[in-house]
């Protein structure tokens, strides 16, 4: 599983290192997406570029996120990060679709 975030091209390798070293990202690996920006897989040799000219990074997890709110805040506060795909405190339920069907998680 992964979470995507958008970064500016300027010093993008430094931004990747900063995010990878965040305490809340322990056990995660930031990977610059290559190929199409619209797919969640590396499907090309060029860096995936957004409509705004920024790069997409996929944060791959080796274990579950321990504190999603802290992770969202730390990533968003990192210089070079435009935004992330963690939607904390923005919903009252999560709808999950899988091979086993659809489930709804509520607090």
C-alpha atoms as a PDB file:
ATOM      1  CA  UNK A   1       0.000   0.000   0.000  1.00  0.00           C
ATOM      2  CA  UNK A   2       1.052   3.600  -0.568  1.00  0.00           C
ATOM      3  CA  UNK A   3       0.025   7.223  -0.090  1.00  0.00           C
ATOM      4  CA  UNK A   4       0.869   9.783  -2.753  1.00  0.00           C
ATOM      5  CA  UNK A   5       2.054  13.334  -2.300  1.00  0.00           C
ATOM      6  CA  UNK A   6       3.087  16.130  -4.638  1.00  0.00           C
ATOM      7  CA  UNK A   7       6.431  17.925  -4.429  1.00  0.00           C
ATOM      8  CA  UNK A   8       8.088  20.776  -6.294  1.00  0.00           C
ATOM      9  CA  UNK A   9      10.825  19.803  -8.758  1.00  0.00           C
ATOM     10  CA  UNK A  10      13.373  22.162  -7.152  1.00  0.00           C
ATOM     11  CA  UNK A  11      15.605  20.093  -4.822  1.00  0.00           C
ATOM     12  CA  UNK A  12      13.201  17.150  -5.139  1.00  0.00           C
ATOM     13  CA  UNK A  13      15.830  14.617  -4.008  1.00  0.00           C
ATOM     14  CA  UNK A  14      16.396  16.639  -0.823  1.00  0.00           C
ATOM     15  CA  UNK A  15      12.625  16.723  -0.228  1.00  0.00           C
ATOM     16  CA  UNK A  16      12.469  12.929  -0.647  1.00  0.00           C
ATOM     17  CA  UNK A  17      15.210  12.514   1.977  1.00  0.00           C
ATOM     18  CA  UNK A  18      13.472  14.913   4.380  1.00  0.00           C
ATOM     19  CA  UNK A  19      10.147  13.092   4.140  1.00  0.00           C
ATOM     20  CA  UNK A  20      11.835   9.700   4.487  1.00  0.00           C
ATOM     21  CA  UNK A  21      13.486  10.891   7.719  1.00  0.00           C
ATOM     22  CA  UNK A  22      10.291  12.182   9.374  1.00  0.00           C
ATOM     23  CA  UNK A  23       9.521  10.375  12.658  1.00  0.00           C
ATOM     24  CA  UNK A  24       5.935   9.666  11.561  1.00  0.00           C
ATOM     25  CA  UNK A  25       7.216   8.077   8.316  1.00  0.00           C
ATOM     26  CA  UNK A  26       9.347   5.473  10.089  1.00  0.00           C
ATOM     27  CA  UNK A  27       8.972   2.216   8.169  1.00  0.00           C
ATOM     28  CA  UNK A  28       7.995   4.021   4.956  1.00  0.00           C
ATOM     29  CA  UNK A  29       9.956   4.597   1.784  1.00  0.00           C
ATOM     30  CA  UNK A  30       9.314   7.597  -0.495  1.00  0.00           C
ATOM     31  CA  UNK A  31       9.609   6.641  -4.186  1.00  0.00           C
ATOM     32  CA  UNK A  32       9.518   9.146  -7.040  1.00  0.00           C
ATOM     33  CA  UNK A  33       6.792   8.042  -9.461  1.00  0.00           C
ATOM     34  CA  UNK A  34       7.970   7.366 -12.994  1.00  0.00           C
ATOM     35  CA  UNK A  35       5.768   7.366 -16.094  1.00  0.00           C
ATOM     36  CA  UNK A  36       2.144   8.462 -16.092  1.00  0.00           C
ATOM     37  CA  UNK A  37       0.990  10.734 -13.287  1.00  0.00           C
ATOM     38  CA  UNK A  38      -2.519   9.266 -13.511  1.00  0.00           C
ATOM     39  CA  UNK A  39      -1.641   5.681 -12.600  1.00  0.00           C
ATOM     40  CA  UNK A  40      -0.371   4.392  -9.286  1.00  0.00           C
ATOM     41  CA  UNK A  41       2.387   2.335 -10.882  1.00  0.00           C
ATOM     42  CA  UNK A  42       5.770   3.105 -12.389  1.00  0.00           C
ATOM     43  CA  UNK A  43       5.006   2.687 -16.071  1.00  0.00           C
ATOM     44  CA  UNK A  44       7.730   4.695 -17.792  1.00  0.00           C
ATOM     45  CA  UNK A  45      11.244   6.111 -17.695  1.00  0.00           C
ATOM     46  CA  UNK A  46      10.388   9.804 -17.210  1.00  0.00           C
ATOM     47  CA  UNK A  47       9.414  11.431 -13.904  1.00  0.00           C
ATOM     48  CA  UNK A  48       5.626  11.676 -13.533  1.00  0.00           C
ATOM     49  CA  UNK A  49       4.619  15.344 -13.719  1.00  0.00           C
ATOM     50  CA  UNK A  50       1.324  16.834 -12.512  1.00  0.00           C
ATOM     51  CA  UNK A  51      -0.751  19.432 -14.374  1.00  0.00           C
ATOM     52  CA  UNK A  52       1.006  22.060 -12.232  1.00  0.00           C
ATOM     53  CA  UNK A  53       4.469  20.846 -13.258  1.00  0.00           C
ATOM     54  CA  UNK A  54       5.232  19.159  -9.924  1.00  0.00           C
ATOM     55  CA  UNK A  55       6.402  15.612  -9.189  1.00  0.00           C
ATOM     56  CA  UNK A  56       4.473  12.776  -7.555  1.00  0.00           C
ATOM     57  CA  UNK A  57       5.976  10.671  -4.791  1.00  0.00           C
ATOM     58  CA  UNK A  58       4.478   7.413  -3.558  1.00  0.00           C
ATOM     59  CA  UNK A  59       5.151   6.652   0.096  1.00  0.00           C
ATOM     60  CA  UNK A  60       5.360   2.843   0.354  1.00  0.00           C
ATOM     61  CA  UNK A  61       4.603   1.239   3.702  1.00  0.00           C
ATOM     62  CA  UNK A  62       6.262  -1.782   5.260  1.00  0.00           C
ATOM     63  CA  UNK A  63       3.870  -1.586   8.232  1.00  0.00           C
ATOM     64  CA  UNK A  64       0.618   0.265   9.050  1.00  0.00           C
ATOM     65  CA  UNK A  65       0.676   4.007   9.720  1.00  0.00           C
ATOM     66  CA  UNK A  66       0.985   4.562  13.459  1.00  0.00           C
ATOM     67  CA  UNK A  67      -0.427   8.122  13.552  1.00  0.00           C
ATOM     68  CA  UNK A  68      -1.993   9.371  10.318  1.00  0.00           C
ATOM     69  CA  UNK A  69      -2.685  12.866  11.682  1.00  0.00           C
ATOM     70  CA  UNK A  70       0.946  13.342  12.759  1.00  0.00           C
ATOM     71  CA  UNK A  71       2.131  11.992   9.405  1.00  0.00           C
ATOM     72  CA  UNK A  72      -0.159  14.341   7.492  1.00  0.00           C
ATOM     73  CA  UNK A  73       1.021  17.340   9.516  1.00  0.00           C
ATOM     74  CA  UNK A  74       4.724  16.470   9.230  1.00  0.00           C
ATOM     75  CA  UNK A  75       4.564  15.826   5.482  1.00  0.00           C
ATOM     76  CA  UNK A  76       2.554  18.998   4.803  1.00  0.00           C
ATOM     77  CA  UNK A  77       5.004  21.054   6.917  1.00  0.00           C
ATOM     78  CA  UNK A  78       8.013  19.856   4.913  1.00  0.00           C
ATOM     79  CA  UNK A  79       9.493  22.466   2.584  1.00  0.00           C
ATOM     80  CA  UNK A  80       9.012  21.321  -1.002  1.00  0.00           C
ATOM     81  CA  UNK A  81       5.793  19.374  -0.365  1.00  0.00           C
ATOM     82  CA  UNK A  82       2.740  20.808  -2.123  1.00  0.00           C
ATOM     83  CA  UNK A  83       0.120  18.465  -0.630  1.00  0.00           C
ATOM     84  CA  UNK A  84      -0.505  14.842   0.313  1.00  0.00           C
ATOM     85  CA  UNK A  85      -3.187  12.172  -0.035  1.00  0.00           C
ATOM     86  CA  UNK A  86      -3.974  11.770   3.670  1.00  0.00           C
ATOM     87  CA  UNK A  87      -7.435  13.201   4.281  1.00  0.00           C
ATOM     88  CA  UNK A  88      -7.456  13.439   8.081  1.00  0.00           C
ATOM     89  CA  UNK A  89     -10.363  15.152   9.828  1.00  0.00           C
ATOM     90  CA  UNK A  90     -12.119  15.725   6.517  1.00  0.00           C
ATOM     91  CA  UNK A  91     -14.796  13.023   6.638  1.00  0.00           C
ATOM     92  CA  UNK A  92     -17.160  11.169   8.941  1.00  0.00           C
ATOM     93  CA  UNK A  93     -16.762   7.772   7.275  1.00  0.00           C
ATOM     94  CA  UNK A  94     -14.469   5.802   4.978  1.00  0.00           C
ATOM     95  CA  UNK A  95     -15.841   3.525   2.261  1.00  0.00           C
ATOM     96  CA  UNK A  96     -13.515   0.645   1.438  1.00  0.00           C
ATOM     97  CA  UNK A  97     -13.867  -1.503  -1.661  1.00  0.00           C
ATOM     98  CA  UNK A  98     -12.000  -4.795  -1.899  1.00  0.00           C
ATOM     99  CA  UNK A  99     -12.302  -8.260  -3.386  1.00  0.00           C
ATOM    100  CA  UNK A 100     -14.387  -9.153  -0.311  1.00  0.00           C
ATOM    101  CA  UNK A 101     -16.945  -6.433  -1.045  1.00  0.00           C
ATOM    102  CA  UNK A 102     -17.634  -2.964   0.255  1.00  0.00           C
ATOM    103  CA  UNK A 103     -17.351  -1.918   3.892  1.00  0.00           C
ATOM    104  CA  UNK A 104     -17.897   1.362   5.730  1.00  0.00           C
ATOM    105  CA  UNK A 105     -15.710   2.457   8.641  1.00  0.00           C
ATOM    106  CA  UNK A 106     -17.030   5.125  10.994  1.00  0.00           C
ATOM    107  CA  UNK A 107     -15.528   6.508  14.214  1.00  0.00           C
END
